[in-house]
Amino acid sequence: MKKTAITTLMIMTGLTGSGINAAAAAPTVTGSTYNDALSAESRPAMPCEPRMRHHRGQMGTGMNERLNLSNEQRTSFRELRRKYFDNSITERRGLMELKRELAEESVRKTPDQNKINTLSDRIGREHTKLARSQSRFINELSSILSPEQLQKFMKMRENRFHGA
């Protein structure tokens, strides 16, 4: 019993530690795309940037100030981040669902190891897709920012992920 409780706790902690909980709080949208369903003003803050200011159109203002972005850079940066968010939200929600299924299967009295293996493999593939998407985002971002701004952005990102 203790092993099951520990496994469940570890899996559930993985859910909250991965930044997906912000995506789960976003409205459920049926239809073509998340972007079509909600206006820019009504969308929640992006899960990739939970501390973003999203008040009266001031989305990302803190980052704009810290990176000292020009007006043109701000517009391009905002559009790029929105595109990344809109493209990744579906994958993040799917990943969250797979992790939920894995947790449920893991705590059954007689877990199906084949199902656990299949779900684990699918989770790995989803993480790979998200990593590739993030790589494209950073690559596109490098064409918007100066080398100094990019270095500062990467440092800010590193500090965010390492809690520094």
N, C-alpha and C. Protein backbone atom coordinates (compact mmCIF):
# COMPACT_ATOMS: atom_id res chain seq x y z
N MET A 1 0.82 -1.20 0.00
CA MET A 1 0.00 0.00 0.00
C MET A 1 0.86 1.26 0.00
N LYS A 2 1.92 1.26 0.81
CA LYS A 2 2.79 2.43 0.86
C LYS A 2 3.43 2.69 -0.50
N LYS A 3 3.82 1.60 -1.18
CA LYS A 3 4.45 1.74 -2.49
C LYS A 3 3.48 2.41 -3.47
N THR A 4 2.22 2.00 -3.43
CA THR A 4 1.22 2.59 -4.30
C THR A 4 1.03 4.06 -4.00
N ALA A 5 0.95 4.42 -2.73
CA ALA A 5 0.77 5.82 -2.35
C ALA A 5 1.97 6.66 -2.77
N ILE A 6 3.16 6.13 -2.60
CA ILE A 6 4.37 6.86 -2.99
C ILE A 6 4.40 7.04 -4.50
N THR A 7 4.07 5.98 -5.25
CA THR A 7 4.05 6.07 -6.71
C THR A 7 3.06 7.12 -7.17
N THR A 8 1.87 7.10 -6.57
CA THR A 8 0.86 8.09 -6.93
C THR A 8 1.34 9.50 -6.63
N LEU A 9 1.92 9.69 -5.46
CA LEU A 9 2.43 11.00 -5.08
C LEU A 9 3.50 11.48 -6.06
N MET A 10 4.40 10.57 -6.44
CA MET A 10 5.47 10.94 -7.39
C MET A 10 4.89 11.34 -8.73
N ILE A 11 3.92 10.57 -9.20
CA ILE A 11 3.33 10.87 -10.50
C ILE A 11 2.57 12.19 -10.45
N MET A 12 1.80 12.40 -9.39
CA MET A 12 1.03 13.64 -9.27
C MET A 12 1.96 14.84 -9.11
N THR A 13 3.06 14.67 -8.38
CA THR A 13 4.03 15.75 -8.25
C THR A 13 4.61 16.09 -9.61
N GLY A 14 4.83 15.08 -10.44
CA GLY A 14 5.31 15.32 -11.79
C GLY A 14 4.36 16.18 -12.59
N LEU A 15 3.07 16.02 -12.34
CA LEU A 15 2.08 16.84 -13.04
C LEU A 15 2.21 18.29 -12.66
N THR A 16 2.30 18.58 -11.36
CA THR A 16 2.35 19.97 -10.94
C THR A 16 3.72 20.57 -11.18
N GLY A 17 4.75 19.79 -11.18
CA GLY A 17 6.10 20.31 -11.39
C GLY A 17 6.41 20.58 -12.83
N SER A 18 5.59 20.11 -13.74
CA SER A 18 5.92 20.26 -15.15
C SER A 18 5.33 21.51 -15.79
N GLY A 19 4.60 22.32 -15.03
CA GLY A 19 4.04 23.53 -15.59
C GLY A 19 2.74 23.30 -16.32
N ILE A 20 2.23 22.10 -16.25
CA ILE A 20 1.02 21.78 -16.98
C ILE A 20 -0.21 22.25 -16.23
N ASN A 21 -0.10 22.43 -14.92
CA ASN A 21 -1.28 22.81 -14.15
C ASN A 21 -1.89 24.11 -14.64
N ALA A 22 -1.12 25.02 -15.17
CA ALA A 22 -1.68 26.26 -15.70
C ALA A 22 -2.50 25.98 -16.95
N ALA A 23 -2.06 25.03 -17.75
CA ALA A 23 -2.82 24.67 -18.93
C ALA A 23 -4.13 24.01 -18.54
N ALA A 24 -4.12 23.25 -17.46
CA ALA A 24 -5.34 22.58 -17.02
C ALA A 24 -6.38 23.59 -16.56
N ALA A 25 -5.92 24.71 -16.03
CA ALA A 25 -6.84 25.72 -15.53
C ALA A 25 -7.46 26.53 -16.66
N ALA A 26 -6.89 26.43 -17.85
CA ALA A 26 -7.41 27.16 -18.99
C ALA A 26 -8.76 26.58 -19.39
N PRO A 27 -9.59 27.38 -20.01
CA PRO A 27 -10.91 26.90 -20.39
C PRO A 27 -10.82 25.73 -21.36
N THR A 28 -11.78 24.82 -21.26
CA THR A 28 -11.85 23.72 -22.21
C THR A 28 -12.49 24.24 -23.47
N VAL A 29 -11.87 23.92 -24.59
CA VAL A 29 -12.34 24.45 -25.86
C VAL A 29 -12.62 23.29 -26.79
N THR A 30 -13.80 23.27 -27.36
CA THR A 30 -14.09 22.29 -28.39
C THR A 30 -14.17 23.05 -29.70
N GLY A 31 -13.82 22.40 -30.76
CA GLY A 31 -13.83 23.08 -32.04
C GLY A 31 -12.47 23.02 -32.68
N SER A 32 -12.19 23.97 -33.56
CA SER A 32 -10.99 23.89 -34.37
C SER A 32 -9.72 24.14 -33.57
N THR A 33 -9.55 25.31 -33.02
CA THR A 33 -8.32 25.58 -32.27
C THR A 33 -8.59 26.47 -31.08
N TYR A 34 -7.68 26.43 -30.15
CA TYR A 34 -7.75 27.27 -28.97
C TYR A 34 -7.75 28.74 -29.40
N ASN A 35 -6.93 29.06 -30.38
CA ASN A 35 -6.79 30.43 -30.85
C ASN A 35 -8.11 30.96 -31.41
N ASP A 36 -8.86 30.11 -32.12
CA ASP A 36 -10.13 30.54 -32.70
C ASP A 36 -11.18 30.79 -31.64
N ALA A 37 -11.13 30.02 -30.56
CA ALA A 37 -12.19 30.05 -29.57
C ALA A 37 -12.13 31.25 -28.63
N LEU A 38 -10.94 31.75 -28.35
CA LEU A 38 -10.81 32.84 -27.39
C LEU A 38 -10.11 34.03 -28.01
N SER A 39 -10.56 35.21 -27.64
CA SER A 39 -9.89 36.41 -28.11
C SER A 39 -8.58 36.56 -27.33
N ALA A 40 -7.67 37.34 -27.83
CA ALA A 40 -6.38 37.55 -27.17
C ALA A 40 -6.56 38.08 -25.76
N GLU A 41 -7.58 38.92 -25.54
CA GLU A 41 -7.79 39.50 -24.22
C GLU A 41 -8.30 38.49 -23.20
N SER A 42 -9.05 37.47 -23.67
CA SER A 42 -9.65 36.54 -22.73
C SER A 42 -8.82 35.29 -22.49
N ARG A 43 -7.73 35.11 -23.23
CA ARG A 43 -6.89 33.93 -23.02
C ARG A 43 -6.16 34.03 -21.69
N PRO A 44 -5.93 32.90 -21.04
CA PRO A 44 -5.15 32.92 -19.81
C PRO A 44 -3.69 33.16 -20.11
N ALA A 45 -2.92 33.49 -19.09
CA ALA A 45 -1.47 33.64 -19.27
C ALA A 45 -0.91 32.31 -19.75
N MET A 46 0.17 32.37 -20.50
CA MET A 46 0.76 31.16 -21.05
C MET A 46 1.39 30.31 -19.95
N PRO A 47 1.25 28.96 -20.05
CA PRO A 47 1.86 28.12 -19.03
C PRO A 47 3.38 28.20 -19.05
N CYS A 48 3.94 28.61 -20.18
CA CYS A 48 5.40 28.72 -20.23
C CYS A 48 5.90 29.97 -19.52
N GLU A 49 5.00 30.87 -19.17
CA GLU A 49 5.37 32.09 -18.47
C GLU A 49 4.33 32.41 -17.40
N PRO A 50 4.28 31.65 -16.29
CA PRO A 50 3.21 31.83 -15.32
C PRO A 50 3.22 33.17 -14.61
N ARG A 51 4.34 33.88 -14.56
CA ARG A 51 4.38 35.16 -13.85
C ARG A 51 4.18 36.35 -14.78
N MET A 52 3.67 36.08 -15.98
CA MET A 52 3.46 37.16 -16.93
C MET A 52 2.39 38.11 -16.45
N ARG A 53 2.56 39.36 -16.75
CA ARG A 53 1.50 40.32 -16.50
C ARG A 53 0.54 40.21 -17.66
N HIS A 54 -0.71 40.06 -17.35
CA HIS A 54 -1.73 39.92 -18.39
C HIS A 54 -2.89 40.83 -18.01
N HIS A 55 -2.59 42.10 -17.93
CA HIS A 55 -3.57 43.07 -17.44
C HIS A 55 -3.64 44.23 -18.41
N ARG A 56 -4.84 44.48 -18.90
CA ARG A 56 -5.08 45.61 -19.82
C ARG A 56 -4.10 45.62 -21.00
N GLY A 57 -3.86 44.45 -21.59
CA GLY A 57 -2.99 44.38 -22.75
C GLY A 57 -1.52 44.52 -22.44
N GLN A 58 -1.13 44.41 -21.18
CA GLN A 58 0.26 44.58 -20.79
C GLN A 58 0.99 43.24 -20.69
N MET A 59 0.56 42.24 -21.45
CA MET A 59 1.13 40.91 -21.39
C MET A 59 2.65 40.93 -21.57
N GLY A 60 3.38 40.38 -20.63
CA GLY A 60 4.82 40.25 -20.74
C GLY A 60 5.59 41.53 -20.50
N THR A 61 4.98 42.53 -19.93
CA THR A 61 5.62 43.83 -19.76
C THR A 61 6.91 43.71 -18.97
N GLY A 62 6.92 42.92 -17.92
CA GLY A 62 8.13 42.76 -17.10
C GLY A 62 9.30 42.26 -17.92
N MET A 63 9.05 41.27 -18.77
CA MET A 63 10.12 40.74 -19.61
C MET A 63 10.55 41.79 -20.62
N ASN A 64 9.59 42.51 -21.18
CA ASN A 64 9.92 43.58 -22.13
C ASN A 64 10.89 44.58 -21.51
N GLU A 65 10.60 44.94 -20.26
CA GLU A 65 11.44 45.91 -19.56
C GLU A 65 12.81 45.33 -19.24
N ARG A 66 12.84 44.09 -18.75
CA ARG A 66 14.13 43.49 -18.38
C ARG A 66 15.03 43.27 -19.58
N LEU A 67 14.42 42.96 -20.74
CA LEU A 67 15.22 42.75 -21.94
C LEU A 67 15.43 44.05 -22.73
N ASN A 68 14.76 45.12 -22.30
CA ASN A 68 14.87 46.41 -22.98
C ASN A 68 14.53 46.28 -24.47
N LEU A 69 13.35 45.74 -24.74
CA LEU A 69 12.93 45.49 -26.12
C LEU A 69 12.43 46.77 -26.78
N SER A 70 12.74 46.90 -28.05
CA SER A 70 12.19 48.00 -28.83
C SER A 70 10.72 47.70 -29.10
N ASN A 71 9.98 48.69 -29.59
CA ASN A 71 8.57 48.47 -29.91
C ASN A 71 8.40 47.36 -30.95
N GLU A 72 9.25 47.35 -31.95
CA GLU A 72 9.18 46.32 -33.00
C GLU A 72 9.48 44.94 -32.41
N GLN A 73 10.49 44.86 -31.55
CA GLN A 73 10.83 43.59 -30.91
C GLN A 73 9.68 43.11 -30.02
N ARG A 74 9.05 44.05 -29.30
CA ARG A 74 7.93 43.68 -28.44
C ARG A 74 6.81 43.04 -29.23
N THR A 75 6.48 43.64 -30.34
CA THR A 75 5.41 43.11 -31.19
C THR A 75 5.78 41.73 -31.71
N SER A 76 6.98 41.59 -32.23
CA SER A 76 7.42 40.30 -32.76
C SER A 76 7.50 39.24 -31.66
N PHE A 77 8.02 39.62 -30.52
CA PHE A 77 8.16 38.71 -29.38
C PHE A 77 6.78 38.24 -28.91
N ARG A 78 5.84 39.18 -28.78
CA ARG A 78 4.49 38.84 -28.35
C ARG A 78 3.83 37.88 -29.34
N GLU A 79 3.96 38.15 -30.63
CA GLU A 79 3.37 37.28 -31.65
C GLU A 79 4.00 35.90 -31.63
N LEU A 80 5.31 35.84 -31.47
CA LEU A 80 6.01 34.56 -31.43
C LEU A 80 5.59 33.74 -30.21
N ARG A 81 5.53 34.39 -29.06
CA ARG A 81 5.12 33.69 -27.84
C ARG A 81 3.68 33.21 -27.94
N ARG A 82 2.80 34.00 -28.49
CA ARG A 82 1.40 33.60 -28.66
C ARG A 82 1.31 32.40 -29.59
N LYS A 83 2.06 32.44 -30.68
CA LYS A 83 2.06 31.32 -31.63
C LYS A 83 2.56 30.04 -30.94
N TYR A 84 3.63 30.17 -30.17
CA TYR A 84 4.16 29.00 -29.44
C TYR A 84 3.12 28.48 -28.46
N PHE A 85 2.49 29.36 -27.71
CA PHE A 85 1.48 28.95 -26.75
C PHE A 85 0.31 28.27 -27.44
N ASP A 86 -0.22 28.89 -28.48
CA ASP A 86 -1.37 28.33 -29.18
C ASP A 86 -1.05 26.95 -29.75
N ASN A 87 0.15 26.77 -30.24
CA ASN A 87 0.54 25.48 -30.81
C ASN A 87 0.81 24.42 -29.74
N SER A 88 1.25 24.83 -28.57
CA SER A 88 1.63 23.85 -27.56
C SER A 88 0.52 23.49 -26.58
N ILE A 89 -0.53 24.29 -26.51
CA ILE A 89 -1.56 24.06 -25.49
C ILE A 89 -2.23 22.70 -25.67
N THR A 90 -2.51 22.30 -26.90
CA THR A 90 -3.15 21.01 -27.15
C THR A 90 -2.24 19.87 -26.72
N GLU A 91 -0.95 19.99 -27.06
CA GLU A 91 -0.01 18.94 -26.66
C GLU A 91 0.14 18.87 -25.15
N ARG A 92 0.17 20.00 -24.50
CA ARG A 92 0.29 20.01 -23.03
C ARG A 92 -0.93 19.38 -22.36
N ARG A 93 -2.09 19.67 -22.88
CA ARG A 93 -3.30 19.05 -22.33
C ARG A 93 -3.30 17.55 -22.57
N GLY A 94 -2.88 17.13 -23.75
CA GLY A 94 -2.79 15.70 -24.05
C GLY A 94 -1.80 15.00 -23.13
N LEU A 95 -0.68 15.65 -22.88
CA LEU A 95 0.33 15.10 -21.98
C LEU A 95 -0.23 14.97 -20.57
N MET A 96 -0.96 15.97 -20.13
CA MET A 96 -1.56 15.93 -18.81
C MET A 96 -2.53 14.74 -18.70
N GLU A 97 -3.31 14.52 -19.73
CA GLU A 97 -4.26 13.40 -19.74
C GLU A 97 -3.53 12.06 -19.69
N LEU A 98 -2.45 11.94 -20.46
CA LEU A 98 -1.67 10.69 -20.44
C LEU A 98 -1.09 10.43 -19.06
N LYS A 99 -0.60 11.48 -18.41
CA LYS A 99 -0.05 11.31 -17.06
C LYS A 99 -1.13 10.93 -16.06
N ARG A 100 -2.32 11.47 -16.25
CA ARG A 100 -3.44 11.10 -15.38
C ARG A 100 -3.78 9.62 -15.55
N GLU A 101 -3.84 9.18 -16.81
CA GLU A 101 -4.12 7.77 -17.09
C GLU A 101 -3.05 6.87 -16.49
N LEU A 102 -1.79 7.29 -16.62
CA LEU A 102 -0.69 6.51 -16.05
C LEU A 102 -0.81 6.41 -14.54
N ALA A 103 -1.16 7.51 -13.90
CA ALA A 103 -1.32 7.49 -12.44
C ALA A 103 -2.46 6.55 -12.04
N GLU A 104 -3.56 6.63 -12.77
CA GLU A 104 -4.70 5.77 -12.45
C GLU A 104 -4.35 4.29 -12.62
N GLU A 105 -3.66 3.97 -13.70
CA GLU A 105 -3.28 2.58 -13.94
C GLU A 105 -2.28 2.11 -12.90
N SER A 106 -1.39 2.99 -12.48
CA SER A 106 -0.35 2.62 -11.53
C SER A 106 -0.90 2.28 -10.14
N VAL A 107 -2.04 2.82 -9.77
CA VAL A 107 -2.58 2.57 -8.44
C VAL A 107 -3.65 1.47 -8.41
N ARG A 108 -3.91 0.85 -9.53
CA ARG A 108 -4.86 -0.27 -9.54
C ARG A 108 -4.30 -1.43 -8.72
N LYS A 109 -5.20 -2.27 -8.22
CA LYS A 109 -4.75 -3.44 -7.45
C LYS A 109 -3.84 -4.33 -8.29
N THR A 110 -4.19 -4.48 -9.56
CA THR A 110 -3.36 -5.27 -10.48
C THR A 110 -3.10 -4.43 -11.73
N PRO A 111 -2.08 -3.57 -11.66
CA PRO A 111 -1.78 -2.70 -12.80
C PRO A 111 -1.39 -3.50 -14.04
N ASP A 112 -1.83 -3.03 -15.18
CA ASP A 112 -1.48 -3.65 -16.46
C ASP A 112 -0.15 -3.06 -16.92
N GLN A 113 0.91 -3.86 -16.79
CA GLN A 113 2.26 -3.36 -17.11
C GLN A 113 2.38 -2.97 -18.58
N ASN A 114 1.68 -3.69 -19.47
CA ASN A 114 1.72 -3.32 -20.89
C ASN A 114 1.11 -1.93 -21.11
N LYS A 115 0.00 -1.65 -20.43
CA LYS A 115 -0.62 -0.33 -20.55
C LYS A 115 0.29 0.74 -19.98
N ILE A 116 0.93 0.44 -18.85
CA ILE A 116 1.88 1.39 -18.24
C ILE A 116 3.03 1.68 -19.20
N ASN A 117 3.54 0.63 -19.83
CA ASN A 117 4.64 0.81 -20.78
C ASN A 117 4.19 1.64 -21.99
N THR A 118 2.99 1.34 -22.49
CA THR A 118 2.47 2.08 -23.65
C THR A 118 2.26 3.55 -23.30
N LEU A 119 1.65 3.81 -22.14
CA LEU A 119 1.42 5.19 -21.73
C LEU A 119 2.75 5.92 -21.51
N SER A 120 3.71 5.25 -20.90
CA SER A 120 5.02 5.85 -20.67
C SER A 120 5.70 6.22 -21.99
N ASP A 121 5.60 5.32 -22.97
CA ASP A 121 6.18 5.61 -24.29
C ASP A 121 5.49 6.80 -24.95
N ARG A 122 4.17 6.86 -24.83
CA ARG A 122 3.43 7.97 -25.42
C ARG A 122 3.80 9.29 -24.73
N ILE A 123 3.97 9.25 -23.42
CA ILE A 123 4.38 10.44 -22.68
C ILE A 123 5.75 10.91 -23.16
N GLY A 124 6.64 9.97 -23.37
CA GLY A 124 7.97 10.32 -23.89
C GLY A 124 7.90 10.98 -25.26
N ARG A 125 7.05 10.45 -26.14
CA ARG A 125 6.90 11.05 -27.47
C ARG A 125 6.31 12.45 -27.39
N GLU A 126 5.36 12.66 -26.48
CA GLU A 126 4.77 13.99 -26.31
C GLU A 126 5.80 14.99 -25.78
N HIS A 127 6.63 14.54 -24.84
CA HIS A 127 7.70 15.41 -24.34
C HIS A 127 8.67 15.76 -25.46
N THR A 128 8.96 14.81 -26.33
CA THR A 128 9.84 15.06 -27.46
C THR A 128 9.25 16.12 -28.38
N LYS A 129 7.95 16.01 -28.67
CA LYS A 129 7.30 17.01 -29.53
C LYS A 129 7.35 18.39 -28.90
N LEU A 130 7.11 18.47 -27.59
CA LEU A 130 7.17 19.77 -26.91
C LEU A 130 8.59 20.33 -26.92
N ALA A 131 9.58 19.48 -26.73
CA ALA A 131 10.97 19.95 -26.74
C ALA A 131 11.35 20.49 -28.12
N ARG A 132 10.89 19.83 -29.17
CA ARG A 132 11.18 20.32 -30.53
C ARG A 132 10.48 21.65 -30.78
N SER A 133 9.26 21.77 -30.31
CA SER A 133 8.52 23.02 -30.45
C SER A 133 9.23 24.14 -29.71
N GLN A 134 9.70 23.86 -28.52
CA GLN A 134 10.42 24.86 -27.73
C GLN A 134 11.72 25.25 -28.43
N SER A 135 12.39 24.29 -29.02
CA SER A 135 13.62 24.58 -29.75
C SER A 135 13.35 25.52 -30.93
N ARG A 136 12.27 25.27 -31.67
CA ARG A 136 11.89 26.16 -32.78
C ARG A 136 11.59 27.56 -32.27
N PHE A 137 10.89 27.64 -31.13
CA PHE A 137 10.57 28.93 -30.53
C PHE A 137 11.85 29.71 -30.21
N ILE A 138 12.79 29.06 -29.55
CA ILE A 138 14.03 29.74 -29.17
C ILE A 138 14.84 30.12 -30.42
N ASN A 139 14.82 29.26 -31.43
CA ASN A 139 15.52 29.58 -32.67
C ASN A 139 14.92 30.81 -33.33
N GLU A 140 13.59 30.88 -33.39
CA GLU A 140 12.92 32.05 -33.97
C GLU A 140 13.16 33.29 -33.11
N LEU A 141 13.17 33.09 -31.81
CA LEU A 141 13.42 34.20 -30.90
C LEU A 141 14.82 34.78 -31.12
N SER A 142 15.76 33.93 -31.44
CA SER A 142 17.14 34.41 -31.66
C SER A 142 17.24 35.36 -32.85
N SER A 143 16.26 35.29 -33.76
CA SER A 143 16.28 36.23 -34.90
C SER A 143 15.65 37.57 -34.53
N ILE A 144 14.96 37.63 -33.40
CA ILE A 144 14.31 38.87 -32.95
C ILE A 144 15.20 39.64 -31.99
N LEU A 145 15.88 38.92 -31.10
CA LEU A 145 16.68 39.55 -30.05
C LEU A 145 18.12 39.76 -30.49
N SER A 146 18.74 40.75 -29.90
CA SER A 146 20.18 40.95 -30.10
C SER A 146 20.90 39.84 -29.34
N PRO A 147 22.18 39.60 -29.62
CA PRO A 147 22.92 38.56 -28.88
C PRO A 147 22.90 38.80 -27.37
N GLU A 148 22.99 40.06 -26.95
CA GLU A 148 22.97 40.37 -25.52
C GLU A 148 21.60 40.09 -24.91
N GLN A 149 20.54 40.48 -25.64
CA GLN A 149 19.19 40.22 -25.15
C GLN A 149 18.92 38.71 -25.08
N LEU A 150 19.38 37.98 -26.09
CA LEU A 150 19.18 36.54 -26.10
C LEU A 150 19.90 35.88 -24.93
N GLN A 151 21.12 36.33 -24.67
CA GLN A 151 21.88 35.80 -23.53
C GLN A 151 21.13 36.08 -22.22
N LYS A 152 20.59 37.28 -22.08
CA LYS A 152 19.84 37.64 -20.87
C LYS A 152 18.57 36.80 -20.77
N PHE A 153 17.87 36.62 -21.89
CA PHE A 153 16.66 35.79 -21.90
C PHE A 153 16.98 34.37 -21.46
N MET A 154 18.05 33.80 -22.00
CA MET A 154 18.43 32.42 -21.65
C MET A 154 18.80 32.32 -20.18
N LYS A 155 19.44 33.34 -19.64
CA LYS A 155 19.78 33.35 -18.22
C LYS A 155 18.51 33.43 -17.37
N MET A 156 17.57 34.28 -17.78
CA MET A 156 16.31 34.40 -17.06
C MET A 156 15.56 33.07 -17.09
N ARG A 157 15.58 32.43 -18.24
CA ARG A 157 14.91 31.13 -18.41
C ARG A 157 15.58 30.08 -17.52
N GLU A 158 16.89 30.06 -17.51
CA GLU A 158 17.63 29.11 -16.68
C GLU A 158 17.32 29.33 -15.20
N ASN A 159 17.28 30.57 -14.76
CA ASN A 159 16.97 30.88 -13.37
C ASN A 159 15.56 30.45 -13.01
N ARG A 160 14.65 30.61 -13.95
CA ARG A 160 13.26 30.22 -13.70
C ARG A 160 13.15 28.72 -13.50
N PHE A 161 13.83 27.95 -14.33
CA PHE A 161 13.73 26.50 -14.24
C PHE A 161 14.54 25.92 -13.09
N HIS A 162 15.52 26.64 -12.61
CA HIS A 162 16.34 26.13 -11.50
C HIS A 162 16.04 26.82 -10.18
N GLY A 163 15.04 27.68 -10.19
CA GLY A 163 14.61 28.32 -8.96
C GLY A 163 15.58 29.30 -8.37
N ALA A 164 16.54 29.76 -9.17
CA ALA A 164 17.53 30.71 -8.65
C ALA A 164 16.98 32.11 -8.65
